[in-house]
Amino acid sequence: MSTTDLINYFEDLDDFDQLEDGKRVSMIKNMSRDQKKHKVPVAAPVRLTAQLDAGQVFEFSYNASHHERQWIIDSLGSFYQMHWFDDVLQLIKGGKEASVYLCSGNETTGVSYLAAKVYRPRRFRNLRKDHLYREGRESLDENGHIITDDGMQYAMRKRTEYGRQLLHTSWIEHEVKTMQIFEQAGADVPAIFASGNNAILMSYVGEAEMAAPALNEIDLDPAEARQLFERVLANIEIMLAHDRVHGDLSAYNILYWDGEIILIDFPQAVSPKENRNAYLIFQRDVTRVCEYFTQQGVHSNPRAIADKLWRKYRYNTMPDMDPHFLNADSEDDVALWKRLKVT
């Protein structure tokens, strides 16, 4: 960190301190006790592994193509069989990683609607950058347990067909585990009802006619924008306090409904302790959020916010580095070592 950077850092703290007043601190402490409108108390999430019984018919209202229909049946059939929902009504959101469907909740769930996030088949998923987010995280099986079997670990390292299947499952289970941690901590995230078979069944945000839009689709008045900005920062801090960085946070991954926000999409979450790129990823998350709220009239300094929060939880801003691996004759290595000593 240069002298100029240090000067800017301390000057920027004044702006950030204005955001971190007693109201925001109180908000963070009380979030775990809040009863949020978009959450419904449910029992521990159920993990599904059973397939649809032979001969059982799974018909739904959504007019899907032939291949999409089979994909839905394979991924959601066991949820339907166990009476989590009665019908798949429509596609809420399609994406490269997954699609989200609106389902009518079975009366036993106590809710009218559920959201089903169905991951795209493994052969269609882009795994080229997975390593950036997988670093430091445990590989999980379909039950959310850490994989310790040598053969399974070997298959994942070699990226065999079986190994890619295991990696795909672990990617989904990592999102499930992360959302459960955040929900228990009081963050604004959907509640999970069940998971398994390439899908996650969670609470739905919105109405039958319209799902909650993402923040990037909403223009806020200044007062509400300030309030929601503080709420997002409180959520970011809760995640950081529980050893997680969202990894892909922006106005596109924050839903807005009835004056509230709901953070979604956590498969890329990383550990600030274990992932060497965590701080840069965290900075990117904070910057994207601040950019949106700047457009809504809430001005801030994202670098100062990210730096102060990161240091508050005593995470390293640079990855640990053994000096024996650095070349004293290399200007780049010498510059890196100086930055490591400063941080």
Protein backbone atom coordinates (compact mmCIF):
# COMPACT_ATOMS: atom_id res chain seq x y z
CA MET A 1 0.00 0.00 0.00
CA SER A 2 1.54 3.33 -1.09
CA THR A 3 1.74 6.47 1.03
CA THR A 4 -0.99 8.02 -1.10
CA ASP A 5 -3.20 4.99 -0.51
CA LEU A 6 -2.67 5.29 3.25
CA ILE A 7 -3.60 8.97 3.23
CA ASN A 8 -6.72 8.28 1.18
CA TYR A 9 -7.63 5.41 3.48
CA PHE A 10 -7.64 7.52 6.65
CA GLU A 11 -9.40 10.41 4.94
CA ASP A 12 -12.09 8.06 3.65
CA LEU A 13 -12.84 6.67 7.10
CA ASP A 14 -14.80 9.82 7.98
CA ASP A 15 -17.28 9.07 5.21
CA PHE A 16 -17.68 5.49 6.29
CA ASP A 17 -18.12 6.36 9.96
CA GLN A 18 -21.20 8.34 9.00
CA LEU A 19 -22.74 5.11 7.73
CA GLU A 20 -21.77 3.06 10.75
CA ASP A 21 -23.80 4.94 13.34
CA GLY A 22 -25.61 3.46 16.31
CA LYS A 23 -28.64 2.71 14.17
CA ARG A 24 -26.66 0.42 11.86
CA VAL A 25 -24.86 -1.34 14.70
CA SER A 26 -28.20 -1.93 16.39
CA MET A 27 -29.60 -3.19 13.10
CA ILE A 28 -26.86 -5.82 12.86
CA LYS A 29 -27.46 -7.02 16.42
CA ASN A 30 -31.21 -7.23 15.95
CA MET A 31 -31.33 -8.88 12.52
CA SER A 32 -31.12 -12.37 13.97
CA ARG A 33 -34.18 -11.62 16.10
CA ASP A 34 -36.27 -10.07 13.35
CA GLN A 35 -39.27 -11.97 12.01
CA LYS A 36 -39.01 -11.19 8.31
CA LYS A 37 -42.06 -11.21 6.08
CA HIS A 38 -40.47 -13.33 3.38
CA LYS A 39 -39.51 -16.12 5.77
CA VAL A 40 -41.75 -18.84 7.13
CA PRO A 41 -40.62 -20.94 10.10
CA VAL A 42 -39.97 -24.45 8.84
CA ALA A 43 -38.36 -27.57 10.18
CA ALA A 44 -34.78 -28.45 9.28
CA PRO A 45 -34.40 -28.66 5.49
CA VAL A 46 -35.00 -32.09 4.00
CA ARG A 47 -32.44 -33.64 1.66
CA LEU A 48 -33.96 -35.67 -1.14
CA THR A 49 -32.37 -38.58 -2.94
CA ALA A 50 -35.36 -40.68 -3.99
CA GLN A 51 -36.42 -40.82 -7.62
CA LEU A 52 -39.98 -40.55 -8.89
CA ASP A 53 -41.77 -43.87 -8.45
CA ALA A 54 -42.12 -45.96 -11.58
CA GLY A 55 -45.41 -45.21 -13.26
CA GLN A 56 -46.12 -42.11 -11.18
CA VAL A 57 -47.27 -39.19 -13.32
CA PHE A 58 -45.73 -35.77 -12.76
CA GLU A 59 -47.72 -33.28 -14.84
CA PHE A 60 -47.39 -29.53 -14.46
CA SER A 61 -48.87 -26.37 -15.93
CA TYR A 62 -45.67 -24.74 -17.14
CA ASN A 63 -45.33 -25.16 -20.89
CA ALA A 64 -41.76 -26.40 -21.14
CA SER A 65 -39.92 -27.74 -24.16
CA HIS A 66 -39.35 -31.48 -24.36
CA HIS A 67 -35.78 -31.35 -22.99
CA GLU A 68 -36.64 -28.80 -20.29
CA ARG A 69 -39.65 -30.86 -19.25
CA GLN A 70 -37.50 -33.94 -18.71
CA TRP A 71 -34.95 -31.85 -16.85
CA ILE A 72 -37.70 -30.56 -14.51
CA ILE A 73 -39.08 -34.05 -13.96
CA ASP A 74 -35.65 -35.47 -13.14
CA SER A 75 -34.74 -32.61 -10.79
CA LEU A 76 -38.06 -31.90 -9.08
CA GLY A 77 -39.86 -35.24 -9.28
CA SER A 78 -38.92 -36.33 -5.77
CA PHE A 79 -40.07 -32.97 -4.33
CA TYR A 80 -43.42 -33.49 -6.04
CA GLN A 81 -43.60 -37.08 -4.82
CA MET A 82 -43.06 -35.96 -1.23
CA HIS A 83 -45.81 -33.32 -1.59
CA TRP A 84 -43.69 -30.24 -1.23
CA PHE A 85 -45.55 -28.67 -4.13
CA ASP A 86 -48.51 -29.45 -6.37
CA ASP A 87 -47.60 -27.75 -9.63
CA VAL A 88 -44.81 -26.01 -11.53
CA LEU A 89 -46.46 -22.79 -12.70
CA GLN A 90 -43.87 -20.80 -14.60
CA LEU A 91 -40.24 -19.96 -15.18
CA ILE A 92 -39.16 -17.08 -12.94
CA LYS A 93 -35.59 -16.70 -14.09
CA GLY A 94 -33.33 -18.53 -16.52
CA GLY A 95 -29.55 -18.36 -16.26
CA LYS A 96 -26.27 -19.96 -17.28
CA GLU A 97 -25.91 -21.78 -13.95
CA ALA A 98 -29.53 -22.48 -13.02
CA SER A 99 -33.17 -21.67 -13.65
CA VAL A 100 -35.74 -20.76 -11.01
CA TYR A 101 -39.37 -21.92 -11.22
CA LEU A 102 -42.49 -20.83 -9.37
CA CYS A 103 -44.28 -23.77 -7.74
CA SER A 104 -47.61 -23.89 -5.94
CA GLY A 105 -46.93 -25.04 -2.38
CA ASN A 106 -48.68 -28.08 -1.03
CA GLU A 107 -51.03 -27.26 1.86
CA THR A 108 -48.73 -29.15 4.23
CA THR A 109 -45.99 -26.55 3.72
CA GLY A 110 -48.10 -23.67 5.01
CA VAL A 111 -47.14 -21.43 2.08
CA SER A 112 -48.89 -20.69 -1.20
CA TYR A 113 -45.77 -20.63 -3.35
CA LEU A 114 -42.24 -21.96 -3.39
CA ALA A 115 -39.25 -21.21 -5.59
CA ALA A 116 -37.37 -24.15 -7.10
CA LYS A 117 -33.81 -23.45 -8.19
CA VAL A 118 -32.77 -26.12 -10.67
CA TYR A 119 -29.14 -26.27 -11.72
CA ARG A 120 -28.35 -26.84 -15.35
CA PRO A 121 -27.21 -30.34 -16.29
CA ARG A 122 -23.51 -30.90 -15.68
CA ARG A 123 -22.64 -31.18 -19.33
CA PHE A 124 -24.03 -27.66 -19.94
CA ARG A 125 -22.28 -25.98 -17.00
CA ASN A 126 -19.17 -23.89 -17.47
CA LEU A 127 -16.61 -25.11 -14.94
CA ARG A 128 -13.61 -23.21 -16.27
CA LYS A 129 -13.45 -20.70 -13.40
CA ASP A 130 -14.67 -22.93 -10.60
CA HIS A 131 -11.17 -23.23 -9.20
CA LEU A 132 -11.17 -19.53 -8.27
CA TYR A 133 -14.09 -20.10 -5.88
CA ARG A 134 -13.44 -23.70 -4.87
CA GLU A 135 -10.08 -22.86 -3.33
CA GLY A 136 -10.10 -23.57 0.39
CA ARG A 137 -13.61 -25.04 0.51
CA GLU A 138 -14.50 -28.59 1.48
CA SER A 139 -15.97 -30.94 -1.12
CA LEU A 140 -19.47 -32.02 -0.05
CA ASP A 141 -21.55 -35.05 -0.99
CA GLU A 142 -25.30 -35.09 -1.73
CA ASN A 143 -26.03 -35.09 2.02
CA GLY A 144 -23.83 -32.08 2.72
CA HIS A 145 -21.11 -34.22 4.35
CA ILE A 146 -17.42 -33.59 3.69
CA ILE A 147 -16.01 -36.09 1.18
CA THR A 148 -13.12 -38.03 2.71
CA ASP A 149 -13.09 -41.08 0.44
CA ASP A 150 -9.75 -41.29 -1.42
CA GLY A 151 -11.33 -42.65 -4.60
CA MET A 152 -13.87 -39.85 -4.77
CA GLN A 153 -11.23 -37.22 -4.13
CA TYR A 154 -9.04 -38.74 -6.86
CA ALA A 155 -11.94 -38.67 -9.33
CA MET A 156 -12.53 -34.98 -8.59
CA ARG A 157 -8.86 -34.10 -9.05
CA LYS A 158 -8.74 -35.93 -12.38
CA ARG A 159 -12.08 -34.49 -13.51
CA THR A 160 -13.39 -37.86 -14.61
CA GLU A 161 -17.09 -38.11 -15.51
CA TYR A 162 -17.75 -39.35 -11.98
CA GLY A 163 -15.51 -36.64 -10.57
CA ARG A 164 -17.33 -33.91 -12.45
CA GLN A 165 -20.60 -35.28 -11.09
CA LEU A 166 -19.21 -35.05 -7.56
CA LEU A 167 -17.96 -31.50 -8.17
CA HIS A 168 -21.34 -30.47 -9.51
CA THR A 169 -23.09 -31.88 -6.42
CA SER A 170 -20.57 -30.20 -4.13
CA TRP A 171 -21.19 -26.86 -5.87
CA ILE A 172 -24.90 -27.11 -5.07
CA GLU A 173 -24.42 -28.34 -1.51
CA HIS A 174 -22.03 -25.48 -0.84
CA GLU A 175 -24.81 -23.03 -1.71
CA VAL A 176 -27.25 -24.91 0.55
CA LYS A 177 -24.83 -24.88 3.49
CA THR A 178 -24.01 -21.20 2.99
CA MET A 179 -27.67 -20.18 2.88
CA GLN A 180 -28.41 -22.17 6.04
CA ILE A 181 -25.56 -20.43 7.88
CA PHE A 182 -26.77 -17.00 6.80
CA GLU A 183 -30.42 -17.71 7.59
CA GLN A 184 -29.53 -18.85 11.10
CA ALA A 185 -27.41 -15.73 11.53
CA GLY A 186 -30.37 -13.51 10.68
CA ALA A 187 -29.33 -12.40 7.20
CA ASP A 188 -31.90 -11.49 4.55
CA VAL A 189 -31.86 -14.71 2.54
CA PRO A 190 -34.54 -17.18 1.37
CA ALA A 191 -35.42 -20.04 3.72
CA ILE A 192 -34.56 -23.50 2.39
CA PHE A 193 -37.28 -26.15 2.59
CA ALA A 194 -35.50 -29.06 0.88
CA SER A 195 -32.56 -29.84 -1.38
CA GLY A 196 -31.24 -32.65 -3.53
CA ASN A 197 -31.49 -34.11 -7.02
CA ASN A 198 -29.88 -31.08 -8.65
CA ALA A 199 -32.29 -28.58 -7.06
CA ILE A 200 -33.03 -26.40 -4.04
CA LEU A 201 -36.57 -25.68 -2.87
CA MET A 202 -36.82 -22.36 -1.04
CA SER A 203 -39.18 -19.60 0.01
CA TYR A 204 -40.62 -17.51 -2.81
CA VAL A 205 -40.52 -13.73 -2.81
CA GLY A 206 -43.27 -11.95 -4.70
CA GLU A 207 -46.84 -12.59 -5.84
CA ALA A 208 -48.37 -15.09 -8.23
CA GLU A 209 -48.46 -12.51 -11.00
CA MET A 210 -44.95 -11.14 -10.44
CA ALA A 211 -41.78 -12.32 -8.74
CA ALA A 212 -39.75 -9.84 -6.73
CA PRO A 213 -37.56 -7.82 -9.11
CA ALA A 214 -33.83 -7.39 -8.61
CA LEU A 215 -32.59 -4.07 -7.25
CA ASN A 216 -31.08 -3.16 -10.61
CA GLU A 217 -34.65 -2.91 -11.95
CA ILE A 218 -35.75 -0.50 -9.20
CA ASP A 219 -35.34 3.25 -8.75
CA LEU A 220 -35.43 4.27 -5.08
CA ASP A 221 -36.15 7.58 -3.41
CA PRO A 222 -33.17 8.96 -1.43
CA ALA A 223 -34.49 8.07 2.02
CA GLU A 224 -35.30 4.47 1.13
CA ALA A 225 -32.05 4.11 -0.79
CA ARG A 226 -30.04 5.12 2.29
CA GLN A 227 -31.97 2.70 4.49
CA LEU A 228 -31.52 -0.21 2.08
CA PHE A 229 -27.84 0.59 1.57
CA GLU A 230 -27.29 0.28 5.30
CA ARG A 231 -29.26 -2.97 5.26
CA VAL A 232 -27.09 -4.41 2.51
CA LEU A 233 -23.94 -3.42 4.41
CA ALA A 234 -25.33 -5.09 7.51
CA ASN A 235 -25.84 -8.29 5.52
CA ILE A 236 -22.33 -8.08 4.10
CA GLU A 237 -20.99 -7.75 7.62
CA ILE A 238 -23.04 -10.71 8.86
CA MET A 239 -21.60 -12.82 6.04
CA LEU A 240 -18.07 -11.69 6.84
CA ALA A 241 -18.58 -12.42 10.55
CA HIS A 242 -19.56 -15.98 9.57
CA ASP A 243 -16.48 -16.62 7.43
CA ARG A 244 -18.10 -15.97 4.06
CA VAL A 245 -17.87 -13.56 1.16
CA HIS A 246 -20.81 -13.68 -1.26
CA GLY A 247 -18.53 -13.84 -4.30
CA ASP A 248 -20.95 -12.41 -6.87
CA LEU A 249 -22.88 -9.71 -5.05
CA SER A 250 -24.46 -6.88 -7.01
CA ALA A 251 -27.84 -5.24 -7.57
CA TYR A 252 -28.61 -8.17 -9.86
CA ASN A 253 -28.46 -10.62 -6.92
CA ILE A 254 -30.49 -8.60 -4.43
CA LEU A 255 -34.26 -8.87 -4.66
CA TYR A 256 -36.57 -6.04 -3.64
CA TRP A 257 -40.09 -6.54 -2.33
CA ASP A 258 -42.37 -4.44 -0.14
CA GLY A 259 -39.51 -2.28 1.11
CA GLU A 260 -37.25 -5.22 1.96
CA ILE A 261 -34.21 -6.82 0.35
CA ILE A 262 -33.36 -10.49 -0.07
CA LEU A 263 -29.88 -11.64 -1.09
CA ILE A 264 -29.71 -14.64 -3.45
CA ASP A 265 -27.27 -16.83 -5.42
CA PHE A 266 -24.50 -18.12 -3.14
CA PRO A 267 -22.70 -20.96 -4.98
CA GLN A 268 -19.60 -18.80 -5.44
CA ALA A 269 -19.27 -17.82 -1.76
CA VAL A 270 -15.69 -18.06 -0.52
CA SER A 271 -13.93 -18.14 2.83
CA PRO A 272 -11.89 -15.05 3.72
CA LYS A 273 -9.57 -17.33 5.69
CA GLU A 274 -8.96 -20.01 3.09
CA ASN A 275 -9.25 -18.38 -0.34
CA ARG A 276 -6.25 -16.36 -1.48
CA ASN A 277 -8.40 -14.16 -3.69
CA ALA A 278 -11.06 -13.51 -1.04
CA TYR A 279 -10.17 -9.88 -0.38
CA LEU A 280 -10.21 -8.94 -4.05
CA ILE A 281 -13.53 -10.76 -4.45
CA PHE A 282 -14.87 -8.93 -1.38
CA GLN A 283 -13.75 -5.57 -2.76
CA ARG A 284 -15.55 -6.35 -6.00
CA ASP A 285 -18.76 -7.22 -4.13
CA VAL A 286 -18.70 -4.00 -2.11
CA THR A 287 -17.83 -1.90 -5.16
CA ARG A 288 -20.71 -3.29 -7.21
CA VAL A 289 -23.17 -2.60 -4.40
CA CYS A 290 -21.86 0.95 -3.91
CA GLU A 291 -22.05 1.65 -7.64
CA TYR A 292 -25.76 0.86 -7.68
CA PHE A 293 -26.54 2.98 -4.62
CA THR A 294 -24.47 5.85 -5.99
CA GLN A 295 -26.91 5.89 -8.90
CA GLN A 296 -29.69 6.14 -6.29
CA GLY A 297 -28.08 9.16 -4.64
CA VAL A 298 -26.19 7.41 -1.81
CA HIS A 299 -22.52 8.31 -2.15
CA SER A 300 -19.83 6.24 -0.45
CA ASN A 301 -16.25 5.08 -0.78
CA PRO A 302 -16.30 1.34 -1.53
CA ARG A 303 -12.58 0.83 -0.96
CA ALA A 304 -12.74 2.39 2.49
CA ILE A 305 -15.84 0.38 3.40
CA ALA A 306 -14.31 -2.91 2.24
CA ASP A 307 -11.01 -2.22 3.94
CA LYS A 308 -12.50 -1.24 7.29
CA LEU A 309 -14.88 -4.21 7.43
CA TRP A 310 -12.12 -6.62 6.42
CA ARG A 311 -9.76 -5.33 9.07
CA LYS A 312 -12.51 -5.34 11.69
CA TYR A 313 -12.61 -9.15 11.45
CA ARG A 314 -8.81 -9.37 11.26
CA TYR A 315 -8.62 -11.02 7.87
CA ASN A 316 -5.45 -10.63 5.83
CA THR A 317 -5.76 -8.26 2.89
CA MET A 318 -3.06 -10.23 1.08
CA PRO A 319 -2.58 -14.02 1.06
CA ASP A 320 0.04 -15.49 3.35
CA MET A 321 3.34 -15.88 1.56
CA ASP A 322 6.50 -17.72 2.60
CA PRO A 323 9.41 -15.32 1.88
CA HIS A 324 11.54 -18.28 0.75
CA PHE A 325 9.43 -18.45 -2.40
CA LEU A 326 10.19 -14.84 -3.30
CA ASN A 327 13.13 -13.76 -5.45
CA ALA A 328 15.10 -10.91 -3.89
CA ASP A 329 16.33 -9.90 -7.36
CA SER A 330 12.80 -9.56 -8.74
CA GLU A 331 11.24 -6.08 -8.52
CA ASP A 332 7.76 -7.59 -8.58
CA ASP A 333 8.56 -9.98 -5.71
CA VAL A 334 10.16 -7.21 -3.65
CA ALA A 335 7.10 -4.98 -4.21
CA LEU A 336 4.79 -7.86 -3.20
CA TRP A 337 6.77 -8.47 -0.01
CA LYS A 338 6.54 -4.77 0.91
CA ARG A 339 2.79 -4.84 0.45
CA LEU A 340 2.54 -7.97 2.57
CA LYS A 341 4.50 -6.33 5.38
CA VAL A 342 2.26 -3.26 5.31
CA THR A 343 -0.95 -5.27 5.46
